[in-house]
């Protein structure tokens, strides 16, 4: 049984990665239904929370059916991160996660996210301060290092555990790699096999199929896997991985009616949560993924992206079901 503090997650939990502009409540709802064991909010700016920025505050919205749910924070100032952790604690998530892995310039150039991999003493100080300011379990998500010359994650893992974090997720790339190349899980395995380590170690990076999840579980011995990009448009990936791990069998991919149903549920929640205009607009990024691999679908993808109202989107989804239901949908 994998536990983060007193939070029990099962024998091999599958985690939904925090993804900016993706891991909002509507997306998390379909991933929870698809079998995710632990989910995180989009990462939230500590400065935004302190300034009461509407977008940052809205990201604190969590719902009972999502539990267990973690709020992920990022920032470069220790005091601001402590204050934001105190604010996040008030909305009663199950844990607080610190982002030391985001590689994008807008974050790293502000001394946040993966930038902390260049200042391990500050990372340790920040983490310890957050651990002390909240009664919730504190976890960390980070990368192997800043670049190939500074892959210091084994040392970092020990130091973060020593000051009180309850779990660690490692993306198998450096900051310089961004999301390019193949993720290297060998150092993640080294952390897991370190006799000093006793907290759960989760691996992240390149898991895009049940077979790969099983292979990496067996090869690297991690306590669980965090899934990001592979879940976008495929929230059922969690149940597919669980089924393969339990039986060795590959579940058939979802048929078209299921794809439409899940897409519609996602869309309806998006509209309820964000309002008609923003809900319709922000859902546009998901259609290509929900209906990938369907032959001759491009004209309908264009129509979905151009639709302006919920009624138009629903009418198109109805039409898609009627037109494509007889086709074989590739997994």
C-alpha atoms as a PDB file:
ATOM      1  CA  UNK A   1       0.000   0.000   0.000  1.00  0.00           C
ATOM      2  CA  UNK A   2       1.462   3.347  -1.075  1.00  0.00           C
ATOM      3  CA  UNK A   3       0.865   6.141   1.416  1.00  0.00           C
ATOM      4  CA  UNK A   4       1.562   9.859   1.376  1.00  0.00           C
ATOM      5  CA  UNK A   5       1.434  10.717   5.041  1.00  0.00           C
ATOM      6  CA  UNK A   6      -1.848   9.166   6.153  1.00  0.00           C
ATOM      7  CA  UNK A   7      -3.265   9.220   2.615  1.00  0.00           C
ATOM      8  CA  UNK A   8      -3.649   5.689   1.216  1.00  0.00           C
ATOM      9  CA  UNK A   9      -3.401   5.383  -2.580  1.00  0.00           C
ATOM     10  CA  UNK A  10      -3.465   1.659  -3.284  1.00  0.00           C
ATOM     11  CA  UNK A  11      -0.669  -0.655  -4.367  1.00  0.00           C
ATOM     12  CA  UNK A  12       0.473   1.159  -7.521  1.00  0.00           C
ATOM     13  CA  UNK A  13      -1.244   4.522  -7.915  1.00  0.00           C
ATOM     14  CA  UNK A  14      -1.615   6.351 -11.201  1.00  0.00           C
ATOM     15  CA  UNK A  15      -1.312  10.113 -10.829  1.00  0.00           C
ATOM     16  CA  UNK A  16      -2.652  12.805 -13.122  1.00  0.00           C
ATOM     17  CA  UNK A  17       0.069  15.362 -13.747  1.00  0.00           C
ATOM     18  CA  UNK A  18      -0.578  19.046 -13.140  1.00  0.00           C
ATOM     19  CA  UNK A  19      -0.718  20.620 -16.615  1.00  0.00           C
ATOM     20  CA  UNK A  20      -1.180  24.322 -17.188  1.00  0.00           C
ATOM     21  CA  UNK A  21      -4.357  25.139 -19.126  1.00  0.00           C
ATOM     22  CA  UNK A  22      -5.323  21.449 -19.067  1.00  0.00           C
ATOM     23  CA  UNK A  23      -5.721  20.075 -15.518  1.00  0.00           C
ATOM     24  CA  UNK A  24      -8.731  22.170 -14.590  1.00  0.00           C
ATOM     25  CA  UNK A  25     -11.790  20.747 -12.782  1.00  0.00           C
ATOM     26  CA  UNK A  26     -13.618  19.698 -15.990  1.00  0.00           C
ATOM     27  CA  UNK A  27     -10.609  17.723 -17.211  1.00  0.00           C
ATOM     28  CA  UNK A  28      -9.935  16.283 -13.782  1.00  0.00           C
ATOM     29  CA  UNK A  29     -13.552  15.087 -13.596  1.00  0.00           C
ATOM     30  CA  UNK A  30     -13.212  12.879 -16.670  1.00  0.00           C
ATOM     31  CA  UNK A  31      -9.791  11.638 -15.551  1.00  0.00           C
ATOM     32  CA  UNK A  32     -11.182  10.708 -12.143  1.00  0.00           C
ATOM     33  CA  UNK A  33     -13.959   8.772 -13.879  1.00  0.00           C
ATOM     34  CA  UNK A  34     -11.265   7.198 -16.055  1.00  0.00           C
ATOM     35  CA  UNK A  35      -9.409   5.812 -13.048  1.00  0.00           C
ATOM     36  CA  UNK A  36      -6.863   8.395 -11.835  1.00  0.00           C
ATOM     37  CA  UNK A  37      -5.884   7.687  -8.206  1.00  0.00           C
ATOM     38  CA  UNK A  38      -4.423  11.076  -7.296  1.00  0.00           C
ATOM     39  CA  UNK A  39      -4.806  14.351  -9.170  1.00  0.00           C
ATOM     40  CA  UNK A  40      -3.300  17.809  -8.957  1.00  0.00           C
ATOM     41  CA  UNK A  41      -4.535  21.248  -9.853  1.00  0.00           C
ATOM     42  CA  UNK A  42      -2.855  23.280 -12.537  1.00  0.00           C
ATOM     43  CA  UNK A  43       0.210  24.893 -11.023  1.00  0.00           C
ATOM     44  CA  UNK A  44      -0.693  28.091  -9.207  1.00  0.00           C
ATOM     45  CA  UNK A  45       1.477  31.171  -8.935  1.00  0.00           C
ATOM     46  CA  UNK A  46       2.293  32.078  -5.349  1.00  0.00           C
ATOM     47  CA  UNK A  47       2.461  35.749  -6.352  1.00  0.00           C
ATOM     48  CA  UNK A  48      -0.950  35.453  -8.017  1.00  0.00           C
ATOM     49  CA  UNK A  49      -2.508  34.034  -4.870  1.00  0.00           C
ATOM     50  CA  UNK A  50      -1.031  36.747  -2.698  1.00  0.00           C
ATOM     51  CA  UNK A  51      -2.287  39.464  -5.072  1.00  0.00           C
ATOM     52  CA  UNK A  52      -5.705  37.803  -5.116  1.00  0.00           C
ATOM     53  CA  UNK A  53      -5.511  37.425  -8.903  1.00  0.00           C
ATOM     54  CA  UNK A  54      -8.813  35.983 -10.105  1.00  0.00           C
ATOM     55  CA  UNK A  55      -7.230  33.311 -12.325  1.00  0.00           C
ATOM     56  CA  UNK A  56      -4.964  32.058  -9.543  1.00  0.00           C
ATOM     57  CA  UNK A  57      -7.801  32.018  -7.009  1.00  0.00           C
ATOM     58  CA  UNK A  58     -10.077  30.116  -9.382  1.00  0.00           C
ATOM     59  CA  UNK A  59      -7.450  27.383  -9.661  1.00  0.00           C
ATOM     60  CA  UNK A  60      -8.000  26.670  -5.960  1.00  0.00           C
ATOM     61  CA  UNK A  61     -11.461  25.277  -6.779  1.00  0.00           C
ATOM     62  CA  UNK A  62     -11.597  21.624  -5.756  1.00  0.00           C
ATOM     63  CA  UNK A  63     -14.544  19.261  -5.356  1.00  0.00           C
ATOM     64  CA  UNK A  64     -15.190  16.403  -2.966  1.00  0.00           C
ATOM     65  CA  UNK A  65     -15.446  13.753  -5.686  1.00  0.00           C
ATOM     66  CA  UNK A  66     -11.905  14.636  -6.835  1.00  0.00           C
ATOM     67  CA  UNK A  67     -10.267  13.460  -3.643  1.00  0.00           C
ATOM     68  CA  UNK A  68      -7.502  12.778  -3.127  1.00  0.00           C
ATOM     69  CA  UNK A  69      -6.456  16.049  -4.723  1.00  0.00           C
ATOM     70  CA  UNK A  70      -3.293  18.114  -4.354  1.00  0.00           C
ATOM     71  CA  UNK A  71      -2.767  21.826  -4.966  1.00  0.00           C
ATOM     72  CA  UNK A  72       0.480  22.580  -6.770  1.00  0.00           C
ATOM     73  CA  UNK A  73       2.279  25.868  -6.156  1.00  0.00           C
ATOM     74  CA  UNK A  74       5.215  27.585  -7.824  1.00  0.00           C
ATOM     75  CA  UNK A  75       7.242  30.678  -7.092  1.00  0.00           C
ATOM     76  CA  UNK A  76      10.709  32.002  -6.505  1.00  0.00           C
ATOM     77  CA  UNK A  77      10.303  33.849  -3.207  1.00  0.00           C
ATOM     78  CA  UNK A  78      10.351  31.810  -0.001  1.00  0.00           C
ATOM     79  CA  UNK A  79       8.068  34.138   1.927  1.00  0.00           C
ATOM     80  CA  UNK A  80       5.507  34.309  -0.851  1.00  0.00           C
ATOM     81  CA  UNK A  81       5.529  30.532  -1.218  1.00  0.00           C
ATOM     82  CA  UNK A  82       4.881  30.122   2.507  1.00  0.00           C
ATOM     83  CA  UNK A  83       1.993  32.573   2.381  1.00  0.00           C
ATOM     84  CA  UNK A  84       0.513  30.874  -0.687  1.00  0.00           C
ATOM     85  CA  UNK A  85       0.794  27.475   1.016  1.00  0.00           C
ATOM     86  CA  UNK A  86      -1.128  28.870   3.973  1.00  0.00           C
ATOM     87  CA  UNK A  87      -3.814  30.175   1.602  1.00  0.00           C
ATOM     88  CA  UNK A  88      -3.986  26.827  -0.196  1.00  0.00           C
ATOM     89  CA  UNK A  89      -4.247  24.952   3.096  1.00  0.00           C
ATOM     90  CA  UNK A  90      -7.430  26.874   3.908  1.00  0.00           C
ATOM     91  CA  UNK A  91      -9.349  25.273   1.003  1.00  0.00           C
ATOM     92  CA  UNK A  92      -8.581  21.837   2.467  1.00  0.00           C
ATOM     93  CA  UNK A  93      -6.848  19.856  -0.265  1.00  0.00           C
ATOM     94  CA  UNK A  94      -5.328  16.496   0.646  1.00  0.00           C
ATOM     95  CA  UNK A  95      -1.766  17.699   0.080  1.00  0.00           C
ATOM     96  CA  UNK A  96       0.388  20.590  -1.111  1.00  0.00           C
ATOM     97  CA  UNK A  97       2.780  19.975  -3.997  1.00  0.00           C
ATOM     98  CA  UNK A  98       5.708  22.226  -4.905  1.00  0.00           C
ATOM     99  CA  UNK A  99       6.697  22.660  -8.536  1.00  0.00           C
ATOM    100  CA  UNK A 100      10.456  22.555  -9.018  1.00  0.00           C
ATOM    101  CA  UNK A 101      10.201  21.154 -12.510  1.00  0.00           C
ATOM    102  CA  UNK A 102       8.432  23.545 -14.888  1.00  0.00           C
ATOM    103  CA  UNK A 103      10.973  24.332 -17.632  1.00  0.00           C
ATOM    104  CA  UNK A 104       9.240  27.152 -19.530  1.00  0.00           C
ATOM    105  CA  UNK A 105      11.037  30.495 -19.697  1.00  0.00           C
ATOM    106  CA  UNK A 106       8.194  32.511 -18.198  1.00  0.00           C
ATOM    107  CA  UNK A 107       8.532  30.459 -15.007  1.00  0.00           C
ATOM    108  CA  UNK A 108      12.213  29.529 -14.844  1.00  0.00           C
ATOM    109  CA  UNK A 109      13.426  33.035 -15.686  1.00  0.00           C
ATOM    110  CA  UNK A 110      11.514  34.310 -12.652  1.00  0.00           C
ATOM    111  CA  UNK A 111      13.509  32.004 -10.403  1.00  0.00           C
ATOM    112  CA  UNK A 112      10.661  29.501 -10.025  1.00  0.00           C
ATOM    113  CA  UNK A 113       9.955  25.974 -11.221  1.00  0.00           C
ATOM    114  CA  UNK A 114      13.038  24.239 -12.604  1.00  0.00           C
ATOM    115  CA  UNK A 115      15.175  27.311 -11.833  1.00  0.00           C
ATOM    116  CA  UNK A 116      15.427  26.069  -8.248  1.00  0.00           C
ATOM    117  CA  UNK A 117      17.498  23.145  -9.554  1.00  0.00           C
ATOM    118  CA  UNK A 118      20.317  25.705  -9.876  1.00  0.00           C
ATOM    119  CA  UNK A 119      20.022  26.706  -6.220  1.00  0.00           C
ATOM    120  CA  UNK A 120      19.546  23.593  -4.111  1.00  0.00           C
ATOM    121  CA  UNK A 121      20.087  25.382  -0.758  1.00  0.00           C
ATOM    122  CA  UNK A 122      17.237  27.750  -1.612  1.00  0.00           C
ATOM    123  CA  UNK A 123      15.073  24.822  -2.748  1.00  0.00           C
ATOM    124  CA  UNK A 124      15.691  23.079   0.579  1.00  0.00           C
ATOM    125  CA  UNK A 125      14.989  26.261   2.563  1.00  0.00           C
ATOM    126  CA  UNK A 126      11.772  26.915   0.650  1.00  0.00           C
ATOM    127  CA  UNK A 127      10.571  23.344   1.044  1.00  0.00           C
ATOM    128  CA  UNK A 128      11.339  23.220   4.750  1.00  0.00           C
ATOM    129  CA  UNK A 129       9.524  26.502   5.321  1.00  0.00           C
ATOM    130  CA  UNK A 130       6.417  25.187   3.544  1.00  0.00           C
ATOM    131  CA  UNK A 131       6.520  21.885   5.432  1.00  0.00           C
ATOM    132  CA  UNK A 132       6.553  23.830   8.699  1.00  0.00           C
ATOM    133  CA  UNK A 133       3.679  26.161   7.758  1.00  0.00           C
ATOM    134  CA  UNK A 134       1.031  23.543   6.943  1.00  0.00           C
ATOM    135  CA  UNK A 135      -0.380  20.446   8.614  1.00  0.00           C
ATOM    136  CA  UNK A 136      -0.919  18.871   5.190  1.00  0.00           C
ATOM    137  CA  UNK A 137       1.542  16.469   3.565  1.00  0.00           C
ATOM    138  CA  UNK A 138       3.952  18.317   1.303  1.00  0.00           C
ATOM    139  CA  UNK A 139       5.216  16.683  -1.880  1.00  0.00           C
ATOM    140  CA  UNK A 140       7.573  17.809  -4.634  1.00  0.00           C
ATOM    141  CA  UNK A 141       7.682  17.417  -8.408  1.00  0.00           C
ATOM    142  CA  UNK A 142      10.994  18.124 -10.108  1.00  0.00           C
ATOM    143  CA  UNK A 143      13.419  16.998 -12.814  1.00  0.00           C
ATOM    144  CA  UNK A 144      16.766  15.205 -13.003  1.00  0.00           C
ATOM    145  CA  UNK A 145      18.682  18.481 -12.898  1.00  0.00           C
ATOM    146  CA  UNK A 146      19.176  21.696 -14.811  1.00  0.00           C
ATOM    147  CA  UNK A 147      21.309  20.109 -17.560  1.00  0.00           C
ATOM    148  CA  UNK A 148      23.370  16.997 -18.245  1.00  0.00           C
ATOM    149  CA  UNK A 149      26.209  18.312 -16.073  1.00  0.00           C
ATOM    150  CA  UNK A 150      24.001  18.875 -13.025  1.00  0.00           C
ATOM    151  CA  UNK A 151      21.884  15.733 -12.686  1.00  0.00           C
ATOM    152  CA  UNK A 152      21.844  16.021  -8.896  1.00  0.00           C
ATOM    153  CA  UNK A 153      18.430  14.502  -8.237  1.00  0.00           C
ATOM    154  CA  UNK A 154      19.713  11.663  -6.021  1.00  0.00           C
ATOM    155  CA  UNK A 155      21.227  14.154  -3.577  1.00  0.00           C
ATOM    156  CA  UNK A 156      18.210  16.445  -3.887  1.00  0.00           C
ATOM    157  CA  UNK A 157      15.836  13.585  -3.059  1.00  0.00           C
ATOM    158  CA  UNK A 158      17.689  12.770   0.148  1.00  0.00           C
ATOM    159  CA  UNK A 159      17.813  16.380   1.277  1.00  0.00           C
ATOM    160  CA  UNK A 160      14.122  16.978   0.580  1.00  0.00           C
ATOM    161  CA  UNK A 161      13.128  13.808   2.405  1.00  0.00           C
ATOM    162  CA  UNK A 162      15.273  14.840   5.372  1.00  0.00           C
ATOM    163  CA  UNK A 163      13.341  18.092   5.800  1.00  0.00           C
ATOM    164  CA  UNK A 164       9.947  16.433   5.680  1.00  0.00           C
ATOM    165  CA  UNK A 165       8.414  15.923   2.241  1.00  0.00           C
ATOM    166  CA  UNK A 166       6.106  12.902   2.035  1.00  0.00           C
ATOM    167  CA  UNK A 167       6.538  11.913  -1.637  1.00  0.00           C
ATOM    168  CA  UNK A 168       8.626  12.849  -4.655  1.00  0.00           C
ATOM    169  CA  UNK A 169       7.752  12.800  -8.354  1.00  0.00           C
ATOM    170  CA  UNK A 170      10.612  13.009 -10.842  1.00  0.00           C
ATOM    171  CA  UNK A 171      10.277  13.812 -14.532  1.00  0.00           C
ATOM    172  CA  UNK A 172      13.041  11.944 -16.324  1.00  0.00           C
ATOM    173  CA  UNK A 173      14.457  14.934 -18.203  1.00  0.00           C
ATOM    174  CA  UNK A 174      16.599  17.955 -17.374  1.00  0.00           C
ATOM    175  CA  UNK A 175      15.325  21.499 -17.674  1.00  0.00           C
ATOM    176  CA  UNK A 176      17.449  22.050 -20.776  1.00  0.00           C
ATOM    177  CA  UNK A 177      15.773  19.086 -22.484  1.00  0.00           C
ATOM    178  CA  UNK A 178      12.342  20.654 -21.974  1.00  0.00           C
ATOM    179  CA  UNK A 179      10.067  17.885 -23.350  1.00  0.00           C
ATOM    180  CA  UNK A 180      12.414  16.712 -26.087  1.00  0.00           C
ATOM    181  CA  UNK A 181      14.247  13.425 -26.401  1.00  0.00           C
ATOM    182  CA  UNK A 182      13.524  10.315 -24.401  1.00  0.00           C
ATOM    183  CA  UNK A 183      12.937  10.498 -20.660  1.00  0.00           C
ATOM    184  CA  UNK A 184      15.695   8.788 -18.649  1.00  0.00           C
ATOM    185  CA  UNK A 185      14.301   6.826 -15.719  1.00  0.00           C
ATOM    186  CA  UNK A 186      17.605   5.303 -14.570  1.00  0.00           C
ATOM    187  CA  UNK A 187      18.208   8.006 -11.952  1.00  0.00           C
ATOM    188  CA  UNK A 188      14.597   7.685 -10.791  1.00  0.00           C
ATOM    189  CA  UNK A 189      15.326   4.004 -10.163  1.00  0.00           C
ATOM    190  CA  UNK A 190      18.498   4.977  -8.338  1.00  0.00           C
ATOM    191  CA  UNK A 191      16.482   7.153  -5.976  1.00  0.00           C
ATOM    192  CA  UNK A 192      13.987   4.363  -5.387  1.00  0.00           C
ATOM    193  CA  UNK A 193      16.755   1.843  -4.709  1.00  0.00           C
ATOM    194  CA  UNK A 194      18.610   4.176  -2.348  1.00  0.00           C
ATOM    195  CA  UNK A 195      18.382   2.506   1.092  1.00  0.00           C
ATOM    196  CA  UNK A 196      18.112   5.941   2.702  1.00  0.00           C
ATOM    197  CA  UNK A 197      14.843   6.689   0.927  1.00  0.00           C
ATOM    198  CA  UNK A 198      11.542   5.648   2.483  1.00  0.00           C
ATOM    199  CA  UNK A 199       8.998   8.020   0.924  1.00  0.00           C
ATOM    200  CA  UNK A 200       7.072   7.075  -2.246  1.00  0.00           C
ATOM    201  CA  UNK A 201       8.905   7.789  -5.493  1.00  0.00           C
ATOM    202  CA  UNK A 202       6.794   8.385  -8.591  1.00  0.00           C
ATOM    203  CA  UNK A 203       8.135   8.413 -12.142  1.00  0.00           C
ATOM    204  CA  UNK A 204       6.983  10.748 -14.890  1.00  0.00           C
ATOM    205  CA  UNK A 205       7.807  11.050 -18.564  1.00  0.00           C
ATOM    206  CA  UNK A 206       6.889   9.274 -21.803  1.00  0.00           C
ATOM    207  CA  UNK A 207       4.281   6.870 -20.394  1.00  0.00           C
ATOM    208  CA  UNK A 208       1.882   6.631 -23.317  1.00  0.00           C
ATOM    209  CA  UNK A 209       0.611   3.047 -23.258  1.00  0.00           C
ATOM    210  CA  UNK A 210      -0.351   0.287 -20.799  1.00  0.00           C
ATOM    211  CA  UNK A 211       2.555  -1.829 -22.017  1.00  0.00           C
ATOM    212  CA  UNK A 212       5.077   0.928 -21.337  1.00  0.00           C
ATOM    213  CA  UNK A 213       3.595   1.584 -17.913  1.00  0.00           C
ATOM    214  CA  UNK A 214       4.001  -2.097 -17.000  1.00  0.00           C
ATOM    215  CA  UNK A 215       7.522  -2.215 -18.426  1.00  0.00           C
ATOM    216  CA  UNK A 216       8.648   0.870 -16.486  1.00  0.00           C
ATOM    217  CA  UNK A 217       6.969  -0.363 -13.311  1.00  0.00           C
ATOM    218  CA  UNK A 218       8.908  -3.605 -13.491  1.00  0.00           C
ATOM    219  CA  UNK A 219      12.166  -2.168 -14.803  1.00  0.00           C
ATOM    220  CA  UNK A 220      12.513   0.817 -12.486  1.00  0.00           C
ATOM    221  CA  UNK A 221      10.598  -0.251  -9.386  1.00  0.00           C
ATOM    222  CA  UNK A 222       8.805   3.045  -8.792  1.00  0.00           C
ATOM    223  CA  UNK A 223       5.876   3.261  -6.375  1.00  0.00           C
ATOM    224  CA  UNK A 224       3.561   4.721  -9.000  1.00  0.00           C
ATOM    225  CA  UNK A 225       3.443   6.605 -12.271  1.00  0.00           C
ATOM    226  CA  UNK A 226       2.403  10.146 -13.094  1.00  0.00           C
ATOM    227  CA  UNK A 227       0.743  10.582 -16.479  1.00  0.00           C
ATOM    228  CA  UNK A 228       0.520  13.884 -18.290  1.00  0.00           C
ATOM    229  CA  UNK A 229       0.267  14.342 -22.041  1.00  0.00           C
ATOM    230  CA  UNK A 230      -0.991  10.800 -22.683  1.00  0.00           C
ATOM    231  CA  UNK A 231      -4.171  11.590 -20.736  1.00  0.00           C
ATOM    232  CA  UNK A 232      -5.129  14.597 -22.874  1.00  0.00           C
ATOM    233  CA  UNK A 233      -8.062  13.450 -24.967  1.00  0.00           C
ATOM    234  CA  UNK A 234      -7.639   9.980 -23.473  1.00  0.00           C
ATOM    235  CA  UNK A 235      -8.789  10.131 -19.841  1.00  0.00           C
ATOM    236  CA  UNK A 236      -9.489   6.391 -20.073  1.00  0.00           C
ATOM    237  CA  UNK A 237      -5.724   5.741 -20.208  1.00  0.00           C
ATOM    238  CA  UNK A 238      -5.785   5.178 -16.433  1.00  0.00           C
ATOM    239  CA  UNK A 239      -8.284   2.319 -16.606  1.00  0.00           C
ATOM    240  CA  UNK A 240      -6.425   0.831 -19.578  1.00  0.00           C
ATOM    241  CA  UNK A 241      -3.167   0.777 -17.629  1.00  0.00           C
ATOM    242  CA  UNK A 242      -4.827  -0.678 -14.541  1.00  0.00           C
ATOM    243  CA  UNK A 243      -6.474  -3.426 -16.589  1.00  0.00           C
ATOM    244  CA  UNK A 244      -3.193  -4.346 -18.267  1.00  0.00           C
ATOM    245  CA  UNK A 245      -1.298  -4.402 -14.973  1.00  0.00           C
ATOM    246  CA  UNK A 246      -3.951  -6.668 -13.438  1.00  0.00           C
ATOM    247  CA  UNK A 247      -4.534  -9.039 -16.354  1.00  0.00           C
ATOM    248  CA  UNK A 248      -1.828  -8.603 -18.979  1.00  0.00           C
ATOM    249  CA  UNK A 249      -4.596  -7.944 -21.478  1.00  0.00           C
ATOM    250  CA  UNK A 250      -5.023  -4.829 -23.601  1.00  0.00           C
ATOM    251  CA  UNK A 251      -8.469  -3.305 -23.345  1.00  0.00           C
ATOM    252  CA  UNK A 252     -10.002  -2.348 -26.682  1.00  0.00           C
ATOM    253  CA  UNK A 253      -9.964   1.383 -27.253  1.00  0.00           C
ATOM    254  CA  UNK A 254     -13.122   3.382 -26.593  1.00  0.00           C
ATOM    255  CA  UNK A 255     -15.670   3.316 -29.380  1.00  0.00           C
ATOM    256  CA  UNK A 256     -16.989   6.500 -30.912  1.00  0.00           C
ATOM    257  CA  UNK A 257     -20.099   6.788 -28.692  1.00  0.00           C
ATOM    258  CA  UNK A 258     -17.882   6.675 -25.598  1.00  0.00           C
ATOM    259  CA  UNK A 259     -15.535   9.280 -27.001  1.00  0.00           C
ATOM    260  CA  UNK A 260     -18.469  11.550 -27.720  1.00  0.00           C
ATOM    261  CA  UNK A 261     -20.011  10.913 -24.304  1.00  0.00           C
ATOM    262  CA  UNK A 262     -16.803  11.725 -22.403  1.00  0.00           C
ATOM    263  CA  UNK A 263     -16.085  14.746 -24.593  1.00  0.00           C
ATOM    264  CA  UNK A 264     -19.624  15.984 -23.960  1.00  0.00           C
ATOM    265  CA  UNK A 265     -19.282  15.520 -20.190  1.00  0.00           C
ATOM    266  CA  UNK A 266     -16.001  17.420 -20.271  1.00  0.00           C
ATOM    267  CA  UNK A 267     -17.594  20.185 -22.349  1.00  0.00           C
ATOM    268  CA  UNK A 268     -20.691  20.503 -20.147  1.00  0.00           C
ATOM    269  CA  UNK A 269     -18.563  20.844 -17.018  1.00  0.00           C
ATOM    270  CA  UNK A 270     -16.380  23.409 -18.774  1.00  0.00           C
ATOM    271  CA  UNK A 271     -19.428  25.531 -19.590  1.00  0.00           C
ATOM    272  CA  UNK A 272     -20.893  25.185 -16.089  1.00  0.00           C
ATOM    273  CA  UNK A 273     -17.626  26.148 -14.441  1.00  0.00           C
ATOM    274  CA  UNK A 274     -16.440  28.902 -16.768  1.00  0.00           C
ATOM    275  CA  UNK A 275     -19.620  30.163 -18.422  1.00  0.00           C
ATOM    276  CA  UNK A 276     -20.729  29.785 -22.017  1.00  0.00           C
ATOM    277  CA  UNK A 277     -18.154  31.967 -23.746  1.00  0.00           C
ATOM    278  CA  UNK A 278     -15.015  30.847 -21.927  1.00  0.00           C
ATOM    279  CA  UNK A 279     -16.221  27.262 -21.559  1.00  0.00           C
ATOM    280  CA  UNK A 280     -16.734  26.949 -25.316  1.00  0.00           C
ATOM    281  CA  UNK A 281     -13.444  28.682 -26.098  1.00  0.00           C
ATOM    282  CA  UNK A 282     -11.205  26.704 -23.737  1.00  0.00           C
ATOM    283  CA  UNK A 283     -12.661  23.356 -24.792  1.00  0.00           C
ATOM    284  CA  UNK A 284     -11.420  23.895 -28.351  1.00  0.00           C
ATOM    285  CA  UNK A 285      -7.935  22.661 -27.486  1.00  0.00           C
ATOM    286  CA  UNK A 286      -9.304  19.204 -26.627  1.00  0.00           C
ATOM    287  CA  UNK A 287     -11.311  18.163 -29.693  1.00  0.00           C
ATOM    288  CA  UNK A 288      -8.417  16.981 -31.847  1.00  0.00           C
ATOM    289  CA  UNK A 289      -7.254  14.710 -29.052  1.00  0.00           C
ATOM    290  CA  UNK A 290     -10.670  13.237 -28.258  1.00  0.00           C
ATOM    291  CA  UNK A 291     -11.210  12.303 -31.897  1.00  0.00           C
ATOM    292  CA  UNK A 292      -7.699  11.473 -33.017  1.00  0.00           C
ATOM    293  CA  UNK A 293      -7.296   8.561 -35.440  1.00  0.00           C
ATOM    294  CA  UNK A 294     -10.800   8.878 -36.876  1.00  0.00           C
ATOM    295  CA  UNK A 295     -10.526   8.953 -40.678  1.00  0.00           C
ATOM    296  CA  UNK A 296     -11.804  12.067 -42.451  1.00  0.00           C
ATOM    297  CA  UNK A 297     -12.580  13.848 -39.175  1.00  0.00           C
ATOM    298  CA  UNK A 298     -10.781  17.118 -39.959  1.00  0.00           C
ATOM    299  CA  UNK A 299     -13.860  18.986 -41.285  1.00  0.00           C
ATOM    300  CA  UNK A 300     -15.722  18.240 -38.050  1.00  0.00           C
ATOM    301  CA  UNK A 301     -12.758  19.289 -35.938  1.00  0.00           C
ATOM    302  CA  UNK A 302     -12.811  22.606 -37.762  1.00  0.00           C
ATOM    303  CA  UNK A 303     -16.550  22.977 -37.159  1.00  0.00           C
ATOM    304  CA  UNK A 304     -16.132  22.217 -33.439  1.00  0.00           C
ATOM    305  CA  UNK A 305     -13.384  24.806 -33.126  1.00  0.00           C
ATOM    306  CA  UNK A 306     -15.505  27.390 -34.926  1.00  0.00           C
ATOM    307  CA  UNK A 307     -18.661  26.718 -32.882  1.00  0.00           C
ATOM    308  CA  UNK A 308     -19.584  29.691 -30.700  1.00  0.00           C
ATOM    309  CA  UNK A 309     -22.351  28.364 -28.450  1.00  0.00           C
ATOM    310  CA  UNK A 310     -23.017  25.250 -26.356  1.00  0.00           C
ATOM    311  CA  UNK A 311     -26.022  24.438 -28.565  1.00  0.00           C
ATOM    312  CA  UNK A 312     -23.827  24.412 -31.661  1.00  0.00           C
ATOM    313  CA  UNK A 313     -21.283  22.125 -30.017  1.00  0.00           C
ATOM    314  CA  UNK A 314     -23.957  19.692 -28.852  1.00  0.00           C
ATOM    315  CA  UNK A 315     -25.522  19.608 -32.319  1.00  0.00           C
ATOM    316  CA  UNK A 316     -22.133  18.807 -33.840  1.00  0.00           C
ATOM    317  CA  UNK A 317     -21.468  16.039 -31.320  1.00  0.00           C
ATOM    318  CA  UNK A 318     -24.851  14.534 -32.193  1.00  0.00           C
ATOM    319  CA  UNK A 319     -23.998  14.723 -35.875  1.00  0.00           C
ATOM    320  CA  UNK A 320     -20.567  13.171 -35.311  1.00  0.00           C
ATOM    321  CA  UNK A 321     -22.181  10.229 -33.533  1.00  0.00           C
ATOM    322  CA  UNK A 322     -24.566   9.683 -36.411  1.00  0.00           C
ATOM    323  CA  UNK A 323     -21.989  10.060 -39.189  1.00  0.00           C
ATOM    324  CA  UNK A 324     -19.058   8.156 -37.711  1.00  0.00           C
ATOM    325  CA  UNK A 325     -20.662   5.537 -35.487  1.00  0.00           C
ATOM    326  CA  UNK A 326     -20.329   2.838 -38.122  1.00  0.00           C
ATOM    327  CA  UNK A 327     -16.584   3.394 -38.565  1.00  0.00           C
ATOM    328  CA  UNK A 328     -13.934   1.446 -36.724  1.00  0.00           C
ATOM    329  CA  UNK A 329     -12.113   3.786 -34.381  1.00  0.00           C
ATOM    330  CA  UNK A 330      -8.461   2.982 -33.897  1.00  0.00           C
ATOM    331  CA  UNK A 331      -7.180   2.944 -30.318  1.00  0.00           C
END
